[in-house]
Amino acid sequence: MYKLVALDMDGTLLNSQKAISPRTKQAIQAARDKGVYVVLASGRPLEGMLNSLEELGMDSEQDYVLSYNASLVQRVASKSVIRKQILTGVDAKNIASLARDLGTYVHAFSPERGLITPEDNPYTKHEADINGVESSVVDFAELSDEEEIIKVMMVAEAEILSAAIAQLPKELHSQYTVVQSAPFFLELMNPSSNKGTGVAMLAEHLGIDASEVICMGDAGNDHHMIKYAGLGVAMGNATDETKALADHITATNDEDGVAVVLEQFILNA
């Protein structure tokens, strides 16, 4: 029996209107009523997930969340951190320099400063808007080398970002976890941080085996957890690469794909 379900948000839990459908909400509640842990695993900060967590009733101290692509694993109510794998100011400065060379913008999340960018741009504004947070302009050269930085993102128009990705130094992939979460977002994190290691840590914390875990997603930043899970699920709207990694492909996020999986593998099992 499956005991833990980890859900990506954008493109998975949320439909194209950024809403949770009634059927999906009902299926999640029914799974939780059976004692199954359901957690959200997103590139978003916790602040950008709270509305959905509250809507689902998953906002108690007994509920967990994987934020910033699992750079942080937290209890929801207190926001206490049970796992943290993050970067430093020197990483932010190095990535910002590379971003300039490749013609993209850059922004980062700081525990103290929030969402920061050296230059106002539409992609950082989009990040701020979808998460309900403020952004501020900070010269990354002012960051101390030891300052905590949760993650850094290279952001740009899809075509520009794709060209930049093709030019990334090979060694970057050994220095950081590098995942694309949207056509215009490339995320760089601590090399030990990804949704797969985050879900694995939470499963261990809860005494749950990988074979008892379902993970669902649609994009590159979901690959690690889809490969980790006993049942790795790609949404019908997922990228072809994501689908190729999955054990199972469900309906799209506009066709209640999350609910379909919960009904088939948990509620009707």
C-alpha atoms as a PDB file:
ATOM      1  CA  MET A   1       0.000   0.000   0.000  1.00  0.00           C
ATOM      2  CA  TYR A   2       1.189   3.492  -0.761  1.00  0.00           C
ATOM      3  CA  LYS A   3       1.751   5.645   2.334  1.00  0.00           C
ATOM      4  CA  LEU A   4       3.252   8.892   0.974  1.00  0.00           C
ATOM      5  CA  VAL A   5       2.289  10.965  -2.068  1.00  0.00           C
ATOM      6  CA  ALA A   6       4.454  13.895  -3.202  1.00  0.00           C
ATOM      7  CA  LEU A   7       2.863  16.324  -5.647  1.00  0.00           C
ATOM      8  CA  ASP A   8       4.443  18.990  -7.786  1.00  0.00           C
ATOM      9  CA  MET A   9       2.271  22.113  -7.925  1.00  0.00           C
ATOM     10  CA  ASP A  10       2.434  24.016 -11.214  1.00  0.00           C
ATOM     11  CA  GLY A  11       1.360  21.801 -14.079  1.00  0.00           C
ATOM     12  CA  THR A  12       0.451  18.946 -11.723  1.00  0.00           C
ATOM     13  CA  LEU A  13      -1.735  19.801  -8.729  1.00  0.00           C
ATOM     14  CA  LEU A  14      -2.819  23.128 -10.232  1.00  0.00           C
ATOM     15  CA  ASN A  15      -4.735  23.287 -13.495  1.00  0.00           C
ATOM     16  CA  SER A  16      -4.182  25.883 -16.205  1.00  0.00           C
ATOM     17  CA  GLN A  17      -6.166  28.409 -14.148  1.00  0.00           C
ATOM     18  CA  LYS A  18      -3.761  27.827 -11.217  1.00  0.00           C
ATOM     19  CA  ALA A  19      -6.632  26.233  -9.284  1.00  0.00           C
ATOM     20  CA  ILE A  20      -7.190  22.888  -7.545  1.00  0.00           C
ATOM     21  CA  SER A  21     -10.205  21.142  -9.028  1.00  0.00           C
ATOM     22  CA  PRO A  22     -12.996  19.873  -6.722  1.00  0.00           C
ATOM     23  CA  ARG A  23     -12.329  16.277  -7.808  1.00  0.00           C
ATOM     24  CA  THR A  24      -8.620  16.564  -7.000  1.00  0.00           C
ATOM     25  CA  LYS A  25      -9.341  18.195  -3.662  1.00  0.00           C
ATOM     26  CA  GLN A  26     -11.787  15.433  -2.763  1.00  0.00           C
ATOM     27  CA  ALA A  27      -9.347  12.677  -3.762  1.00  0.00           C
ATOM     28  CA  ILE A  28      -6.533  14.194  -1.701  1.00  0.00           C
ATOM     29  CA  GLN A  29      -8.781  14.454   1.351  1.00  0.00           C
ATOM     30  CA  ALA A  30      -9.957  10.855   0.892  1.00  0.00           C
ATOM     31  CA  ALA A  31      -6.354   9.633   0.675  1.00  0.00           C
ATOM     32  CA  ARG A  32      -5.458  11.567   3.825  1.00  0.00           C
ATOM     33  CA  ASP A  33      -8.492  10.090   5.565  1.00  0.00           C
ATOM     34  CA  LYS A  34      -6.968   6.663   4.848  1.00  0.00           C
ATOM     35  CA  GLY A  35      -3.793   7.725   6.664  1.00  0.00           C
ATOM     36  CA  VAL A  36      -1.719   8.523   3.583  1.00  0.00           C
ATOM     37  CA  TYR A  37       0.707  11.427   3.878  1.00  0.00           C
ATOM     38  CA  VAL A  38       0.239  13.920   1.028  1.00  0.00           C
ATOM     39  CA  VAL A  39       2.902  16.606   0.612  1.00  0.00           C
ATOM     40  CA  LEU A  40       3.542  19.357  -1.890  1.00  0.00           C
ATOM     41  CA  ALA A  41       6.983  19.400  -3.514  1.00  0.00           C
ATOM     42  CA  SER A  42       7.593  22.600  -5.439  1.00  0.00           C
ATOM     43  CA  GLY A  43      10.246  24.988  -6.616  1.00  0.00           C
ATOM     44  CA  ARG A  44       8.234  27.672  -4.853  1.00  0.00           C
ATOM     45  CA  PRO A  45       9.026  29.075  -1.408  1.00  0.00           C
ATOM     46  CA  LEU A  46       6.638  28.068   1.357  1.00  0.00           C
ATOM     47  CA  GLU A  47       4.985  31.499   1.102  1.00  0.00           C
ATOM     48  CA  GLY A  48       3.988  30.689  -2.469  1.00  0.00           C
ATOM     49  CA  MET A  49       2.413  27.392  -1.396  1.00  0.00           C
ATOM     50  CA  LEU A  50       0.433  28.471   1.656  1.00  0.00           C
ATOM     51  CA  ASN A  51      -2.825  29.263  -0.134  1.00  0.00           C
ATOM     52  CA  SER A  52      -2.942  25.789  -1.659  1.00  0.00           C
ATOM     53  CA  LEU A  53      -1.893  24.121   1.596  1.00  0.00           C
ATOM     54  CA  GLU A  54      -4.603  25.949   3.500  1.00  0.00           C
ATOM     55  CA  GLU A  55      -7.192  25.129   0.836  1.00  0.00           C
ATOM     56  CA  LEU A  56      -6.312  21.442   1.182  1.00  0.00           C
ATOM     57  CA  GLY A  57      -6.257  21.549   4.989  1.00  0.00           C
ATOM     58  CA  MET A  58      -2.581  20.538   4.888  1.00  0.00           C
ATOM     59  CA  ASP A  59      -1.342  23.363   7.098  1.00  0.00           C
ATOM     60  CA  SER A  60      -0.917  21.736  10.520  1.00  0.00           C
ATOM     61  CA  GLU A  61       2.281  20.899  12.407  1.00  0.00           C
ATOM     62  CA  GLN A  62       1.754  17.279  11.325  1.00  0.00           C
ATOM     63  CA  ASP A  63       1.960  18.332   7.666  1.00  0.00           C
ATOM     64  CA  TYR A  64       5.194  18.642   5.722  1.00  0.00           C
ATOM     65  CA  VAL A  65       6.229  20.531   2.599  1.00  0.00           C
ATOM     66  CA  LEU A  66       9.211  20.437   0.264  1.00  0.00           C
ATOM     67  CA  SER A  67       9.968  24.016  -0.770  1.00  0.00           C
ATOM     68  CA  TYR A  68      12.557  25.462  -3.165  1.00  0.00           C
ATOM     69  CA  ASN A  69      12.749  22.084  -4.954  1.00  0.00           C
ATOM     70  CA  ALA A  70      13.386  20.424  -1.580  1.00  0.00           C
ATOM     71  CA  SER A  71      16.325  22.631  -0.643  1.00  0.00           C
ATOM     72  CA  LEU A  72      14.195  22.954   2.491  1.00  0.00           C
ATOM     73  CA  VAL A  73      11.938  20.271   3.983  1.00  0.00           C
ATOM     74  CA  GLN A  74       9.678  21.902   6.553  1.00  0.00           C
ATOM     75  CA  ARG A  75       6.773  21.394   8.884  1.00  0.00           C
ATOM     76  CA  VAL A  76       4.036  23.635   7.551  1.00  0.00           C
ATOM     77  CA  ALA A  77       2.548  25.314  10.623  1.00  0.00           C
ATOM     78  CA  SER A  78       5.772  26.312  12.413  1.00  0.00           C
ATOM     79  CA  LYS A  79       7.886  26.485   9.223  1.00  0.00           C
ATOM     80  CA  SER A  80      10.548  24.595  11.196  1.00  0.00           C
ATOM     81  CA  VAL A  81      13.196  23.072   8.946  1.00  0.00           C
ATOM     82  CA  ILE A  82      13.950  19.367   9.212  1.00  0.00           C
ATOM     83  CA  ARG A  83      16.349  19.312   6.238  1.00  0.00           C
ATOM     84  CA  LYS A  84      18.377  22.120   4.679  1.00  0.00           C
ATOM     85  CA  GLN A  85      20.804  21.853   1.767  1.00  0.00           C
ATOM     86  CA  ILE A  86      21.503  25.322   0.379  1.00  0.00           C
ATOM     87  CA  LEU A  87      24.122  27.547  -1.268  1.00  0.00           C
ATOM     88  CA  THR A  88      26.210  30.550  -0.248  1.00  0.00           C
ATOM     89  CA  GLY A  89      26.916  34.057  -1.442  1.00  0.00           C
ATOM     90  CA  VAL A  90      29.963  32.943  -3.411  1.00  0.00           C
ATOM     91  CA  ASP A  91      27.742  30.587  -5.412  1.00  0.00           C
ATOM     92  CA  ALA A  92      25.304  33.398  -6.145  1.00  0.00           C
ATOM     93  CA  LYS A  93      28.121  35.652  -7.356  1.00  0.00           C
ATOM     94  CA  ASN A  94      29.628  32.959  -9.583  1.00  0.00           C
ATOM     95  CA  ILE A  95      26.277  32.067 -11.133  1.00  0.00           C
ATOM     96  CA  ALA A  96      25.392  35.733 -11.652  1.00  0.00           C
ATOM     97  CA  SER A  97      28.674  36.236 -13.511  1.00  0.00           C
ATOM     98  CA  LEU A  98      27.931  33.232 -15.724  1.00  0.00           C
ATOM     99  CA  ALA A  99      24.389  34.491 -16.349  1.00  0.00           C
ATOM    100  CA  ARG A 100      25.755  37.837 -17.551  1.00  0.00           C
ATOM    101  CA  ASP A 101      28.124  36.060 -19.915  1.00  0.00           C
ATOM    102  CA  LEU A 102      25.271  33.947 -21.325  1.00  0.00           C
ATOM    103  CA  GLY A 103      22.843  36.854 -21.685  1.00  0.00           C
ATOM    104  CA  THR A 104      20.243  35.889 -19.063  1.00  0.00           C
ATOM    105  CA  TYR A 105      18.910  37.571 -15.960  1.00  0.00           C
ATOM    106  CA  VAL A 106      19.474  36.042 -12.553  1.00  0.00           C
ATOM    107  CA  HIS A 107      17.698  36.031  -9.216  1.00  0.00           C
ATOM    108  CA  ALA A 108      18.065  34.212  -5.919  1.00  0.00           C
ATOM    109  CA  PHE A 109      16.202  33.433  -2.730  1.00  0.00           C
ATOM    110  CA  SER A 110      17.826  34.431   0.550  1.00  0.00           C
ATOM    111  CA  PRO A 111      16.564  33.450   4.025  1.00  0.00           C
ATOM    112  CA  GLU A 112      17.205  37.009   5.193  1.00  0.00           C
ATOM    113  CA  ARG A 113      16.606  39.154   2.104  1.00  0.00           C
ATOM    114  CA  GLY A 114      13.886  37.192   0.300  1.00  0.00           C
ATOM    115  CA  LEU A 115      13.796  37.302  -3.502  1.00  0.00           C
ATOM    116  CA  ILE A 116      16.739  39.316  -4.804  1.00  0.00           C
ATOM    117  CA  THR A 117      17.993  40.231  -8.267  1.00  0.00           C
ATOM    118  CA  PRO A 118      20.787  42.482  -9.512  1.00  0.00           C
ATOM    119  CA  GLU A 119      18.454  43.920 -12.152  1.00  0.00           C
ATOM    120  CA  ASP A 120      14.677  44.295 -12.399  1.00  0.00           C
ATOM    121  CA  ASN A 121      13.296  42.059 -15.132  1.00  0.00           C
ATOM    122  CA  PRO A 122       9.926  40.525 -16.125  1.00  0.00           C
ATOM    123  CA  TYR A 123      10.882  37.006 -15.051  1.00  0.00           C
ATOM    124  CA  THR A 124      11.766  37.972 -11.489  1.00  0.00           C
ATOM    125  CA  LYS A 125       8.526  39.956 -11.397  1.00  0.00           C
ATOM    126  CA  HIS A 126       6.671  36.815 -12.504  1.00  0.00           C
ATOM    127  CA  GLU A 127       8.409  34.817  -9.761  1.00  0.00           C
ATOM    128  CA  ALA A 128       7.358  37.428  -7.198  1.00  0.00           C
ATOM    129  CA  ASP A 129       3.781  37.551  -8.469  1.00  0.00           C
ATOM    130  CA  ILE A 130       3.125  33.793  -8.507  1.00  0.00           C
ATOM    131  CA  ASN A 131       4.502  33.441  -4.988  1.00  0.00           C
ATOM    132  CA  GLY A 132       2.981  36.572  -3.479  1.00  0.00           C
ATOM    133  CA  VAL A 133       6.360  37.912  -2.360  1.00  0.00           C
ATOM    134  CA  GLU A 134       8.287  41.132  -2.896  1.00  0.00           C
ATOM    135  CA  SER A 135      11.532  41.305  -4.854  1.00  0.00           C
ATOM    136  CA  SER A 136      14.380  43.714  -4.286  1.00  0.00           C
ATOM    137  CA  VAL A 137      17.374  44.820  -6.328  1.00  0.00           C
ATOM    138  CA  VAL A 138      20.657  43.806  -4.712  1.00  0.00           C
ATOM    139  CA  ASP A 139      24.125  43.964  -6.217  1.00  0.00           C
ATOM    140  CA  PHE A 140      25.293  40.382  -5.766  1.00  0.00           C
ATOM    141  CA  ALA A 141      28.851  41.677  -5.360  1.00  0.00           C
ATOM    142  CA  GLU A 142      27.681  42.974  -1.960  1.00  0.00           C
ATOM    143  CA  LEU A 143      26.821  39.463  -0.730  1.00  0.00           C
ATOM    144  CA  SER A 144      29.331  37.984   1.678  1.00  0.00           C
ATOM    145  CA  ASP A 145      30.861  34.706   0.530  1.00  0.00           C
ATOM    146  CA  GLU A 146      29.363  32.891   3.524  1.00  0.00           C
ATOM    147  CA  GLU A 147      25.852  34.357   3.352  1.00  0.00           C
ATOM    148  CA  GLU A 148      23.140  31.712   3.095  1.00  0.00           C
ATOM    149  CA  ILE A 149      21.411  31.548  -0.289  1.00  0.00           C
ATOM    150  CA  ILE A 150      18.681  28.961  -0.796  1.00  0.00           C
ATOM    151  CA  LYS A 151      18.834  28.720  -4.581  1.00  0.00           C
ATOM    152  CA  VAL A 152      19.847  30.776  -7.611  1.00  0.00           C
ATOM    153  CA  MET A 153      17.949  30.936 -10.900  1.00  0.00           C
ATOM    154  CA  MET A 154      18.929  31.951 -14.408  1.00  0.00           C
ATOM    155  CA  VAL A 155      15.820  33.423 -16.029  1.00  0.00           C
ATOM    156  CA  ALA A 156      15.082  34.637 -19.538  1.00  0.00           C
ATOM    157  CA  GLU A 157      12.864  34.277 -22.570  1.00  0.00           C
ATOM    158  CA  ALA A 158      12.601  30.580 -23.469  1.00  0.00           C
ATOM    159  CA  GLU A 159      14.751  30.772 -26.605  1.00  0.00           C
ATOM    160  CA  ILE A 160      17.475  32.765 -24.844  1.00  0.00           C
ATOM    161  CA  LEU A 161      17.477  30.421 -21.865  1.00  0.00           C
ATOM    162  CA  SER A 162      17.657  27.339 -24.106  1.00  0.00           C
ATOM    163  CA  ALA A 163      20.689  28.806 -25.844  1.00  0.00           C
ATOM    164  CA  ALA A 164      22.276  29.559 -22.464  1.00  0.00           C
ATOM    165  CA  ILE A 165      21.631  26.019 -21.215  1.00  0.00           C
ATOM    166  CA  ALA A 166      23.391  24.626 -24.292  1.00  0.00           C
ATOM    167  CA  GLN A 167      26.466  26.671 -23.358  1.00  0.00           C
ATOM    168  CA  LEU A 168      26.631  25.801 -19.644  1.00  0.00           C
ATOM    169  CA  PRO A 169      30.066  24.539 -18.583  1.00  0.00           C
ATOM    170  CA  LYS A 170      30.000  20.774 -18.013  1.00  0.00           C
ATOM    171  CA  GLU A 171      31.518  21.141 -14.551  1.00  0.00           C
ATOM    172  CA  LEU A 172      28.489  23.192 -13.458  1.00  0.00           C
ATOM    173  CA  HIS A 173      26.439  19.992 -13.314  1.00  0.00           C
ATOM    174  CA  SER A 174      28.809  18.493 -10.746  1.00  0.00           C
ATOM    175  CA  GLN A 175      28.907  21.696  -8.694  1.00  0.00           C
ATOM    176  CA  TYR A 176      25.118  22.128  -8.509  1.00  0.00           C
ATOM    177  CA  THR A 177      21.809  20.427  -9.037  1.00  0.00           C
ATOM    178  CA  VAL A 178      20.656  22.052 -12.285  1.00  0.00           C
ATOM    179  CA  VAL A 179      16.985  21.656 -13.230  1.00  0.00           C
ATOM    180  CA  GLN A 180      14.642  23.471 -15.580  1.00  0.00           C
ATOM    181  CA  SER A 181      11.282  24.084 -13.911  1.00  0.00           C
ATOM    182  CA  ALA A 182       9.711  26.167 -16.698  1.00  0.00           C
ATOM    183  CA  PRO A 183      10.745  27.262 -20.200  1.00  0.00           C
ATOM    184  CA  PHE A 184      12.014  30.520 -18.696  1.00  0.00           C
ATOM    185  CA  PHE A 185      13.378  29.235 -15.321  1.00  0.00           C
ATOM    186  CA  LEU A 186      16.647  27.344 -14.756  1.00  0.00           C
ATOM    187  CA  GLU A 187      17.306  26.521 -11.113  1.00  0.00           C
ATOM    188  CA  LEU A 188      20.706  25.920  -9.538  1.00  0.00           C
ATOM    189  CA  MET A 189      20.857  24.430  -6.055  1.00  0.00           C
ATOM    190  CA  ASN A 190      23.093  22.635  -3.606  1.00  0.00           C
ATOM    191  CA  PRO A 191      24.274  19.420  -5.321  1.00  0.00           C
ATOM    192  CA  SER A 192      22.558  17.388  -2.581  1.00  0.00           C
ATOM    193  CA  SER A 193      19.243  19.167  -3.108  1.00  0.00           C
ATOM    194  CA  ASN A 194      16.521  17.925  -5.403  1.00  0.00           C
ATOM    195  CA  LYS A 195      12.978  16.683  -4.986  1.00  0.00           C
ATOM    196  CA  GLY A 196      14.169  13.082  -4.990  1.00  0.00           C
ATOM    197  CA  THR A 197      16.554  13.444  -2.050  1.00  0.00           C
ATOM    198  CA  GLY A 198      13.957  15.579  -0.273  1.00  0.00           C
ATOM    199  CA  VAL A 199      11.203  12.982  -0.616  1.00  0.00           C
ATOM    200  CA  ALA A 200      13.657  10.218   0.356  1.00  0.00           C
ATOM    201  CA  MET A 201      14.628  12.103   3.516  1.00  0.00           C
ATOM    202  CA  LEU A 202      10.995  12.711   4.449  1.00  0.00           C
ATOM    203  CA  ALA A 203      10.091   9.070   3.791  1.00  0.00           C
ATOM    204  CA  GLU A 204      12.932   7.962   6.067  1.00  0.00           C
ATOM    205  CA  HIS A 205      11.797  10.464   8.699  1.00  0.00           C
ATOM    206  CA  LEU A 206       8.304   8.939   8.541  1.00  0.00           C
ATOM    207  CA  GLY A 207       9.500   5.326   8.410  1.00  0.00           C
ATOM    208  CA  ILE A 208       8.203   4.790   4.866  1.00  0.00           C
ATOM    209  CA  ASP A 209       9.959   2.699   2.195  1.00  0.00           C
ATOM    210  CA  ALA A 210      10.522   4.050  -1.321  1.00  0.00           C
ATOM    211  CA  SER A 211       8.246   1.304  -2.657  1.00  0.00           C
ATOM    212  CA  GLU A 212       5.401   2.887  -0.679  1.00  0.00           C
ATOM    213  CA  VAL A 213       5.829   6.342  -2.274  1.00  0.00           C
ATOM    214  CA  ILE A 214       4.036   7.941  -5.236  1.00  0.00           C
ATOM    215  CA  CYS A 215       5.550  11.050  -6.824  1.00  0.00           C
ATOM    216  CA  MET A 216       3.813  13.065  -9.558  1.00  0.00           C
ATOM    217  CA  GLY A 217       5.192  15.814 -11.764  1.00  0.00           C
ATOM    218  CA  ASP A 218       5.447  17.308 -15.219  1.00  0.00           C
ATOM    219  CA  ALA A 219       8.866  18.931 -15.680  1.00  0.00           C
ATOM    220  CA  GLY A 220      12.610  18.599 -15.308  1.00  0.00           C
ATOM    221  CA  ASN A 221      12.701  19.529 -11.640  1.00  0.00           C
ATOM    222  CA  ASP A 222      10.429  16.531 -10.930  1.00  0.00           C
ATOM    223  CA  HIS A 223      12.705  13.925 -12.507  1.00  0.00           C
ATOM    224  CA  HIS A 224      14.654  13.012  -9.371  1.00  0.00           C
ATOM    225  CA  MET A 225      11.528  12.252  -7.337  1.00  0.00           C
ATOM    226  CA  ILE A 226       9.795  10.430 -10.200  1.00  0.00           C
ATOM    227  CA  LYS A 227      12.826   8.142 -10.480  1.00  0.00           C
ATOM    228  CA  TYR A 228      12.995   7.658  -6.686  1.00  0.00           C
ATOM    229  CA  ALA A 229       9.353   6.720  -6.113  1.00  0.00           C
ATOM    230  CA  GLY A 230       7.907   3.251  -6.065  1.00  0.00           C
ATOM    231  CA  LEU A 231       5.377   4.709  -8.493  1.00  0.00           C
ATOM    232  CA  GLY A 232       6.717   7.636 -10.482  1.00  0.00           C
ATOM    233  CA  VAL A 233       3.925   9.389 -12.360  1.00  0.00           C
ATOM    234  CA  ALA A 234       4.153  11.851 -15.245  1.00  0.00           C
ATOM    235  CA  MET A 235       1.217  14.090 -16.023  1.00  0.00           C
ATOM    236  CA  GLY A 236      -0.385  13.885 -19.457  1.00  0.00           C
ATOM    237  CA  ASN A 237       0.898  17.434 -20.052  1.00  0.00           C
ATOM    238  CA  ALA A 238       4.451  16.541 -18.985  1.00  0.00           C
ATOM    239  CA  THR A 239       7.470  16.890 -21.223  1.00  0.00           C
ATOM    240  CA  ASP A 240       8.393  13.868 -23.329  1.00  0.00           C
ATOM    241  CA  GLU A 241      11.579  13.461 -21.287  1.00  0.00           C
ATOM    242  CA  THR A 242       9.552  13.358 -18.069  1.00  0.00           C
ATOM    243  CA  LYS A 243       7.133  10.806 -19.505  1.00  0.00           C
ATOM    244  CA  ALA A 244      10.020   8.586 -20.574  1.00  0.00           C
ATOM    245  CA  LEU A 245      11.248   8.378 -16.960  1.00  0.00           C
ATOM    246  CA  ALA A 246       7.864   7.590 -15.413  1.00  0.00           C
ATOM    247  CA  ASP A 247       6.346   4.257 -14.405  1.00  0.00           C
ATOM    248  CA  HIS A 248       2.895   5.566 -15.214  1.00  0.00           C
ATOM    249  CA  ILE A 249       1.379   8.411 -17.250  1.00  0.00           C
ATOM    250  CA  THR A 250      -1.864   9.914 -16.008  1.00  0.00           C
ATOM    251  CA  ALA A 251      -4.307  12.468 -17.442  1.00  0.00           C
ATOM    252  CA  THR A 252      -3.340  16.127 -17.775  1.00  0.00           C
ATOM    253  CA  ASN A 253      -3.561  18.707 -15.024  1.00  0.00           C
ATOM    254  CA  ASP A 254      -6.737  20.008 -16.698  1.00  0.00           C
ATOM    255  CA  GLU A 255      -8.233  16.500 -16.669  1.00  0.00           C
ATOM    256  CA  ASP A 256      -7.756  15.790 -12.927  1.00  0.00           C
ATOM    257  CA  GLY A 257      -4.656  13.675 -13.478  1.00  0.00           C
ATOM    258  CA  VAL A 258      -3.736  13.734  -9.775  1.00  0.00           C
ATOM    259  CA  ALA A 259      -7.205  12.571  -8.760  1.00  0.00           C
ATOM    260  CA  VAL A 260      -7.124   9.775 -11.358  1.00  0.00           C
ATOM    261  CA  VAL A 261      -3.933   8.340  -9.809  1.00  0.00           C
ATOM    262  CA  LEU A 262      -5.169   8.633  -6.233  1.00  0.00           C
ATOM    263  CA  GLU A 263      -8.452   6.960  -7.126  1.00  0.00           C
ATOM    264  CA  GLN A 264      -6.761   4.123  -9.018  1.00  0.00           C
ATOM    265  CA  PHE A 265      -3.823   3.314  -6.758  1.00  0.00           C
ATOM    266  CA  ILE A 266      -4.995   4.348  -3.269  1.00  0.00           C
ATOM    267  CA  LEU A 267      -8.743   4.807  -2.977  1.00  0.00           C
ATOM    268  CA  ASN A 268      -9.818   1.836  -5.105  1.00  0.00           C
ATOM    269  CA  ALA A 269      -6.846  -0.372  -4.294  1.00  0.00           C
END
